[in-house]
Amino acid sequence: MQANISSSVIDLLQTCKTIFLARQLSANSRKLYLADIRNFLTFLADQEGFVATNKLKNPRLYLDYLDSLREKAVSPSLLSRTTYSLKQLGSVVGETYSSENPTKNLIESKPVGTQTAGNNPFENYIKHFINYLNSVHLSPYTIKSYKSDIERYLIWGTRHLSSTRLPVLLTSSNIKKYANHLSEIGTTAKSTIEQTRLSYPFQGLVLPNLLSQTSNR
């Protein structure tokens, strides 16, 4: 990576370490944030050919990177953490070069199931889905995994499918499109893709009941 990154950007990474320490971030947080920032720099090197400090002042590049992560259907928690890491980098860029913070307008992404009540169109569905999984006595770990699978799928579906209505999102053909997408981008293990496939039959069991309740209101 360093061959495509200017020495000033390498110096900036060291500045990040110093500032993160001064901000009294935990050792684990510093490690994760710096790893996210290095991944961002690698992305820029691949996209731009060479990374200099002036490019780190461009807000569009931060948005492009987050969009690339969404295309890969990364977990909502990773997307949220990466957004926060980029905001940390942006604040350091602004302070170091006395310029505007390029990440000031970045909004931290939240998992589909943790959005503010009333603003999440899938809130009721996810709640019923979790209740059903508990009713059939699946383990907490399995429920957590299935919930994560569904949140990632719903995020992907709202961005790539023609409709955000649940009956459309949860058709077998659209779920297959998503599984194929995971296979094509090559960043998801086959076992994870298979686990993702396995979680969706449960969605079909919950959806009719939820739609029935909604129509009877």
C-alpha atoms as a PDB file:
ATOM      1  CA  MET A   1       0.000   0.000   0.000  1.00  0.00           C
ATOM      2  CA  GLN A   2       2.731   2.507   0.971  1.00  0.00           C
ATOM      3  CA  ALA A   3       4.182   2.571  -2.556  1.00  0.00           C
ATOM      4  CA  ASN A   4       1.015   4.348  -3.741  1.00  0.00           C
ATOM      5  CA  ILE A   5       0.666   6.676  -0.750  1.00  0.00           C
ATOM      6  CA  SER A   6       2.617   9.880  -0.206  1.00  0.00           C
ATOM      7  CA  SER A   7       4.962  10.241   2.739  1.00  0.00           C
ATOM      8  CA  SER A   8       2.759  13.057   4.064  1.00  0.00           C
ATOM      9  CA  VAL A   9      -0.187  10.668   4.306  1.00  0.00           C
ATOM     10  CA  ILE A  10       1.992   8.130   6.119  1.00  0.00           C
ATOM     11  CA  ASP A  11       2.921  10.930   8.524  1.00  0.00           C
ATOM     12  CA  LEU A  12      -0.776  11.703   8.919  1.00  0.00           C
ATOM     13  CA  LEU A  13      -1.387   8.146  10.081  1.00  0.00           C
ATOM     14  CA  GLN A  14       1.169   8.681  12.822  1.00  0.00           C
ATOM     15  CA  THR A  15      -0.599  11.906  13.727  1.00  0.00           C
ATOM     16  CA  CYS A  16      -3.846   9.943  13.985  1.00  0.00           C
ATOM     17  CA  LYS A  17      -2.213   7.560  16.445  1.00  0.00           C
ATOM     18  CA  THR A  18      -1.023  10.468  18.579  1.00  0.00           C
ATOM     19  CA  ILE A  19      -4.378  12.277  18.534  1.00  0.00           C
ATOM     20  CA  PHE A  20      -6.375   9.107  19.219  1.00  0.00           C
ATOM     21  CA  LEU A  21      -4.166   8.497  22.241  1.00  0.00           C
ATOM     22  CA  ALA A  22      -4.673  12.089  23.410  1.00  0.00           C
ATOM     23  CA  ARG A  23      -8.434  11.602  23.062  1.00  0.00           C
ATOM     24  CA  GLN A  24      -8.080   8.710  25.510  1.00  0.00           C
ATOM     25  CA  LEU A  25      -9.528   6.145  23.140  1.00  0.00           C
ATOM     26  CA  SER A  26      -9.021   2.572  24.271  1.00  0.00           C
ATOM     27  CA  ALA A  27      -6.228   0.501  22.754  1.00  0.00           C
ATOM     28  CA  ASN A  28      -8.778  -1.698  20.985  1.00  0.00           C
ATOM     29  CA  SER A  29     -10.656   1.303  19.569  1.00  0.00           C
ATOM     30  CA  ARG A  30      -7.410   2.840  18.301  1.00  0.00           C
ATOM     31  CA  LYS A  31      -6.485  -0.454  16.643  1.00  0.00           C
ATOM     32  CA  LEU A  32      -9.863  -0.821  14.921  1.00  0.00           C
ATOM     33  CA  TYR A  33     -10.080   2.807  13.781  1.00  0.00           C
ATOM     34  CA  LEU A  34      -6.575   2.725  12.313  1.00  0.00           C
ATOM     35  CA  ALA A  35      -7.360  -0.565  10.530  1.00  0.00           C
ATOM     36  CA  ASP A  36     -10.499   1.015   9.022  1.00  0.00           C
ATOM     37  CA  ILE A  37      -8.499   4.068   7.944  1.00  0.00           C
ATOM     38  CA  ARG A  38      -5.816   1.902   6.313  1.00  0.00           C
ATOM     39  CA  ASN A  39      -8.530   0.020   4.417  1.00  0.00           C
ATOM     40  CA  PHE A  40      -9.869   3.380   3.223  1.00  0.00           C
ATOM     41  CA  LEU A  41      -6.393   4.427   2.055  1.00  0.00           C
ATOM     42  CA  THR A  42      -5.976   1.123   0.226  1.00  0.00           C
ATOM     43  CA  PHE A  43      -9.298   1.748  -1.511  1.00  0.00           C
ATOM     44  CA  LEU A  44      -8.127   5.224  -2.551  1.00  0.00           C
ATOM     45  CA  ALA A  45      -4.827   3.854  -3.824  1.00  0.00           C
ATOM     46  CA  ASP A  46      -6.692   1.315  -5.941  1.00  0.00           C
ATOM     47  CA  GLN A  47      -9.163   3.888  -7.252  1.00  0.00           C
ATOM     48  CA  GLU A  48      -6.986   6.961  -7.606  1.00  0.00           C
ATOM     49  CA  GLY A  49      -3.570   5.442  -8.341  1.00  0.00           C
ATOM     50  CA  PHE A  50      -1.776   7.654  -5.822  1.00  0.00           C
ATOM     51  CA  VAL A  51      -2.943   9.093  -2.529  1.00  0.00           C
ATOM     52  CA  ALA A  52      -1.768  12.533  -1.445  1.00  0.00           C
ATOM     53  CA  THR A  53      -3.078  14.660   1.400  1.00  0.00           C
ATOM     54  CA  ASN A  54      -5.079  16.929  -0.912  1.00  0.00           C
ATOM     55  CA  LYS A  55      -7.267  13.949  -1.838  1.00  0.00           C
ATOM     56  CA  LEU A  56      -8.085  13.359   1.823  1.00  0.00           C
ATOM     57  CA  LYS A  57      -9.758  16.784   1.827  1.00  0.00           C
ATOM     58  CA  ASN A  58     -12.320  15.618  -0.758  1.00  0.00           C
ATOM     59  CA  PRO A  59     -15.637  14.648   0.947  1.00  0.00           C
ATOM     60  CA  ARG A  60     -16.772  12.703  -2.130  1.00  0.00           C
ATOM     61  CA  LEU A  61     -14.063  10.059  -1.679  1.00  0.00           C
ATOM     62  CA  TYR A  62     -15.293   9.191   1.808  1.00  0.00           C
ATOM     63  CA  LEU A  63     -18.835   8.765   0.488  1.00  0.00           C
ATOM     64  CA  ASP A  64     -17.574   6.640  -2.405  1.00  0.00           C
ATOM     65  CA  TYR A  65     -15.792   4.327   0.014  1.00  0.00           C
ATOM     66  CA  LEU A  66     -18.880   3.856   2.173  1.00  0.00           C
ATOM     67  CA  ASP A  67     -20.925   3.169  -0.965  1.00  0.00           C
ATOM     68  CA  SER A  68     -18.396   0.505  -1.961  1.00  0.00           C
ATOM     69  CA  LEU A  69     -18.864  -1.180   1.424  1.00  0.00           C
ATOM     70  CA  ARG A  70     -22.631  -1.139   0.971  1.00  0.00           C
ATOM     71  CA  GLU A  71     -22.177  -2.755  -2.434  1.00  0.00           C
ATOM     72  CA  LYS A  72     -20.308  -5.558  -0.668  1.00  0.00           C
ATOM     73  CA  ALA A  73     -23.202  -5.910   1.801  1.00  0.00           C
ATOM     74  CA  VAL A  74     -20.928  -5.623   4.835  1.00  0.00           C
ATOM     75  CA  SER A  75     -22.582  -5.914   8.221  1.00  0.00           C
ATOM     76  CA  PRO A  76     -24.413  -2.832   9.526  1.00  0.00           C
ATOM     77  CA  SER A  77     -22.145  -2.765  12.580  1.00  0.00           C
ATOM     78  CA  LEU A  78     -19.000  -2.678  10.408  1.00  0.00           C
ATOM     79  CA  LEU A  79     -20.490   0.050   8.236  1.00  0.00           C
ATOM     80  CA  SER A  80     -21.337   2.112  11.302  1.00  0.00           C
ATOM     81  CA  ARG A  81     -17.873   1.670  12.816  1.00  0.00           C
ATOM     82  CA  THR A  82     -16.155   2.506   9.537  1.00  0.00           C
ATOM     83  CA  THR A  83     -18.213   5.684   9.248  1.00  0.00           C
ATOM     84  CA  TYR A  84     -17.106   6.698  12.724  1.00  0.00           C
ATOM     85  CA  SER A  85     -13.481   5.846  11.889  1.00  0.00           C
ATOM     86  CA  LEU A  86     -13.638   8.038   8.791  1.00  0.00           C
ATOM     87  CA  LYS A  87     -15.090  10.858  10.876  1.00  0.00           C
ATOM     88  CA  GLN A  88     -12.117  10.515  13.207  1.00  0.00           C
ATOM     89  CA  LEU A  89      -9.780  10.741  10.222  1.00  0.00           C
ATOM     90  CA  GLY A  90     -11.675  13.723   8.838  1.00  0.00           C
ATOM     91  CA  SER A  91     -11.326  15.613  12.098  1.00  0.00           C
ATOM     92  CA  VAL A  92      -7.567  14.969  12.102  1.00  0.00           C
ATOM     93  CA  VAL A  93      -7.303  16.146   8.480  1.00  0.00           C
ATOM     94  CA  GLY A  94      -9.182  19.327   9.360  1.00  0.00           C
ATOM     95  CA  GLU A  95      -7.054  20.014  12.442  1.00  0.00           C
ATOM     96  CA  THR A  96      -3.724  19.164  10.796  1.00  0.00           C
ATOM     97  CA  TYR A  97      -4.188  21.197   7.622  1.00  0.00           C
ATOM     98  CA  SER A  98      -6.425  23.947   9.051  1.00  0.00           C
ATOM     99  CA  SER A  99      -9.073  23.040   6.524  1.00  0.00           C
ATOM    100  CA  GLU A 100     -12.732  22.091   6.632  1.00  0.00           C
ATOM    101  CA  ASN A 101     -13.464  18.656   8.047  1.00  0.00           C
ATOM    102  CA  PRO A 102     -14.245  16.566   4.918  1.00  0.00           C
ATOM    103  CA  THR A 103     -16.421  14.170   6.915  1.00  0.00           C
ATOM    104  CA  LYS A 104     -18.583  16.696   8.753  1.00  0.00           C
ATOM    105  CA  ASN A 105     -21.657  15.657   6.749  1.00  0.00           C
ATOM    106  CA  LEU A 106     -21.146  11.910   7.091  1.00  0.00           C
ATOM    107  CA  ILE A 107     -24.029  10.309   8.936  1.00  0.00           C
ATOM    108  CA  GLU A 108     -23.303   7.226  10.984  1.00  0.00           C
ATOM    109  CA  SER A 109     -25.189   4.257   9.580  1.00  0.00           C
ATOM    110  CA  LYS A 110     -27.360   2.331  11.991  1.00  0.00           C
ATOM    111  CA  PRO A 111     -28.483  -1.277  11.604  1.00  0.00           C
ATOM    112  CA  VAL A 112     -31.995  -1.582  10.208  1.00  0.00           C
ATOM    113  CA  GLY A 113     -33.341  -2.833  13.527  1.00  0.00           C
ATOM    114  CA  THR A 114     -31.915   0.028  15.619  1.00  0.00           C
ATOM    115  CA  GLN A 115     -33.294   3.066  13.853  1.00  0.00           C
ATOM    116  CA  THR A 116     -35.532   5.519  15.659  1.00  0.00           C
ATOM    117  CA  ALA A 117     -39.021   4.155  16.190  1.00  0.00           C
ATOM    118  CA  GLY A 118     -41.393   5.386  13.525  1.00  0.00           C
ATOM    119  CA  ASN A 119     -38.625   5.979  10.980  1.00  0.00           C
ATOM    120  CA  ASN A 120     -37.891   2.351  10.219  1.00  0.00           C
ATOM    121  CA  PRO A 121     -40.373   0.731   7.797  1.00  0.00           C
ATOM    122  CA  PHE A 122     -39.126  -2.752   8.741  1.00  0.00           C
ATOM    123  CA  GLU A 123     -39.325  -2.334  12.522  1.00  0.00           C
ATOM    124  CA  ASN A 124     -42.514  -4.384  12.985  1.00  0.00           C
ATOM    125  CA  TYR A 125     -41.326  -7.102  10.670  1.00  0.00           C
ATOM    126  CA  ILE A 126     -37.993  -7.517  12.448  1.00  0.00           C
ATOM    127  CA  LYS A 127     -39.742  -7.573  15.829  1.00  0.00           C
ATOM    128  CA  HIS A 128     -42.147 -10.310  14.692  1.00  0.00           C
ATOM    129  CA  PHE A 129     -39.308 -12.205  13.090  1.00  0.00           C
ATOM    130  CA  ILE A 130     -37.303 -12.247  16.328  1.00  0.00           C
ATOM    131  CA  ASN A 131     -40.374 -13.214  18.336  1.00  0.00           C
ATOM    132  CA  TYR A 132     -40.987 -16.151  15.994  1.00  0.00           C
ATOM    133  CA  LEU A 133     -37.397 -17.359  16.263  1.00  0.00           C
ATOM    134  CA  ASN A 134     -37.672 -17.233  20.039  1.00  0.00           C
ATOM    135  CA  SER A 135     -40.953 -19.153  19.918  1.00  0.00           C
ATOM    136  CA  VAL A 136     -39.323 -22.068  18.074  1.00  0.00           C
ATOM    137  CA  HIS A 137     -36.517 -22.117  20.648  1.00  0.00           C
ATOM    138  CA  LEU A 138     -33.557 -21.276  18.449  1.00  0.00           C
ATOM    139  CA  SER A 139     -30.363 -20.448  20.294  1.00  0.00           C
ATOM    140  CA  PRO A 140     -29.511 -16.782  21.029  1.00  0.00           C
ATOM    141  CA  TYR A 141     -26.461 -17.099  18.752  1.00  0.00           C
ATOM    142  CA  THR A 142     -28.569 -18.416  15.847  1.00  0.00           C
ATOM    143  CA  ILE A 143     -31.161 -15.678  16.330  1.00  0.00           C
ATOM    144  CA  LYS A 144     -28.436 -13.040  16.371  1.00  0.00           C
ATOM    145  CA  SER A 145     -26.950 -14.464  13.155  1.00  0.00           C
ATOM    146  CA  TYR A 146     -30.307 -14.617  11.370  1.00  0.00           C
ATOM    147  CA  LYS A 147     -31.167 -11.076  12.457  1.00  0.00           C
ATOM    148  CA  SER A 148     -27.839  -9.837  11.108  1.00  0.00           C
ATOM    149  CA  ASP A 149     -28.426 -11.671   7.810  1.00  0.00           C
ATOM    150  CA  ILE A 150     -31.827 -10.060   7.399  1.00  0.00           C
ATOM    151  CA  GLU A 151     -30.641  -6.567   8.274  1.00  0.00           C
ATOM    152  CA  ARG A 152     -27.900  -6.787   5.641  1.00  0.00           C
ATOM    153  CA  TYR A 153     -30.358  -8.109   3.072  1.00  0.00           C
ATOM    154  CA  LEU A 154     -32.929  -5.396   3.735  1.00  0.00           C
ATOM    155  CA  ILE A 155     -30.272  -2.691   3.395  1.00  0.00           C
ATOM    156  CA  TRP A 156     -29.122  -4.194   0.106  1.00  0.00           C
ATOM    157  CA  GLY A 157     -32.687  -4.696  -1.121  1.00  0.00           C
ATOM    158  CA  THR A 158     -33.775  -1.120  -0.499  1.00  0.00           C
ATOM    159  CA  ARG A 159     -30.844   0.081  -2.603  1.00  0.00           C
ATOM    160  CA  HIS A 160     -30.965  -2.392  -5.459  1.00  0.00           C
ATOM    161  CA  LEU A 161     -34.509  -3.669  -5.929  1.00  0.00           C
ATOM    162  CA  SER A 162     -37.417  -1.954  -7.664  1.00  0.00           C
ATOM    163  CA  SER A 163     -39.641  -1.905  -4.581  1.00  0.00           C
ATOM    164  CA  THR A 164     -39.091  -1.618  -0.833  1.00  0.00           C
ATOM    165  CA  ARG A 165     -42.366  -3.375   0.007  1.00  0.00           C
ATOM    166  CA  LEU A 166     -41.798  -6.491   2.107  1.00  0.00           C
ATOM    167  CA  PRO A 167     -43.799  -8.846  -0.160  1.00  0.00           C
ATOM    168  CA  VAL A 168     -41.446  -7.855  -3.001  1.00  0.00           C
ATOM    169  CA  LEU A 169     -38.240  -7.823  -0.971  1.00  0.00           C
ATOM    170  CA  LEU A 170     -38.875 -11.291   0.418  1.00  0.00           C
ATOM    171  CA  THR A 171     -39.611 -13.162  -2.795  1.00  0.00           C
ATOM    172  CA  SER A 172     -37.384 -16.140  -3.478  1.00  0.00           C
ATOM    173  CA  SER A 173     -36.196 -14.606  -6.756  1.00  0.00           C
ATOM    174  CA  ASN A 174     -34.939 -11.450  -5.037  1.00  0.00           C
ATOM    175  CA  ILE A 175     -33.330 -13.411  -2.235  1.00  0.00           C
ATOM    176  CA  LYS A 176     -31.543 -15.457  -4.909  1.00  0.00           C
ATOM    177  CA  LYS A 177     -30.323 -12.219  -6.514  1.00  0.00           C
ATOM    178  CA  TYR A 178     -28.786 -11.232  -3.202  1.00  0.00           C
ATOM    179  CA  ALA A 179     -27.104 -14.607  -2.698  1.00  0.00           C
ATOM    180  CA  ASN A 180     -25.708 -14.368  -6.223  1.00  0.00           C
ATOM    181  CA  HIS A 181     -24.478 -10.854  -5.461  1.00  0.00           C
ATOM    182  CA  LEU A 182     -22.585 -12.128  -2.412  1.00  0.00           C
ATOM    183  CA  SER A 183     -21.005 -14.857  -4.528  1.00  0.00           C
ATOM    184  CA  GLU A 184     -20.036 -12.469  -7.328  1.00  0.00           C
ATOM    185  CA  ILE A 185     -18.283  -9.869  -5.174  1.00  0.00           C
ATOM    186  CA  GLY A 186     -16.174 -12.642  -3.660  1.00  0.00           C
ATOM    187  CA  THR A 187     -15.779 -11.074  -0.222  1.00  0.00           C
ATOM    188  CA  THR A 188     -18.166 -13.385   1.636  1.00  0.00           C
ATOM    189  CA  ALA A 189     -17.304 -16.918   2.669  1.00  0.00           C
ATOM    190  CA  LYS A 190     -19.370 -19.695   1.086  1.00  0.00           C
ATOM    191  CA  SER A 191     -20.435 -20.858   4.542  1.00  0.00           C
ATOM    192  CA  THR A 192     -21.764 -17.373   5.308  1.00  0.00           C
ATOM    193  CA  ILE A 193     -23.685 -17.259   2.024  1.00  0.00           C
ATOM    194  CA  GLU A 194     -25.210 -20.644   2.835  1.00  0.00           C
ATOM    195  CA  GLN A 195     -26.133 -19.426   6.308  1.00  0.00           C
ATOM    196  CA  THR A 196     -27.760 -16.404   4.717  1.00  0.00           C
ATOM    197  CA  ARG A 197     -29.806 -18.655   2.442  1.00  0.00           C
ATOM    198  CA  LEU A 198     -30.913 -20.733   5.406  1.00  0.00           C
ATOM    199  CA  SER A 199     -32.264 -17.766   7.339  1.00  0.00           C
ATOM    200  CA  TYR A 200     -34.733 -16.642   4.703  1.00  0.00           C
ATOM    201  CA  PRO A 201     -37.265 -19.509   4.897  1.00  0.00           C
ATOM    202  CA  PHE A 202     -38.060 -18.235   8.395  1.00  0.00           C
ATOM    203  CA  GLN A 203     -38.900 -14.846   6.936  1.00  0.00           C
ATOM    204  CA  GLY A 204     -41.591 -16.415   4.782  1.00  0.00           C
ATOM    205  CA  LEU A 205     -43.208 -17.886   7.888  1.00  0.00           C
ATOM    206  CA  VAL A 206     -43.392 -14.542   9.641  1.00  0.00           C
ATOM    207  CA  LEU A 207     -44.437 -12.322   6.738  1.00  0.00           C
ATOM    208  CA  PRO A 208     -47.973 -13.705   6.109  1.00  0.00           C
ATOM    209  CA  ASN A 209     -48.838 -13.341   9.796  1.00  0.00           C
ATOM    210  CA  LEU A 210     -47.501  -9.785   9.901  1.00  0.00           C
ATOM    211  CA  LEU A 211     -49.352  -8.768   6.743  1.00  0.00           C
ATOM    212  CA  SER A 212     -52.543 -10.282   8.128  1.00  0.00           C
ATOM    213  CA  GLN A 213     -52.215  -8.275  11.337  1.00  0.00           C
ATOM    214  CA  THR A 214     -51.559  -5.112   9.385  1.00  0.00           C
ATOM    215  CA  SER A 215     -54.595  -5.575   7.121  1.00  0.00           C
ATOM    216  CA  ASN A 216     -56.881  -6.198  10.103  1.00  0.00           C
ATOM    217  CA  ARG A 217     -56.035  -2.880  11.791  1.00  0.00           C
END
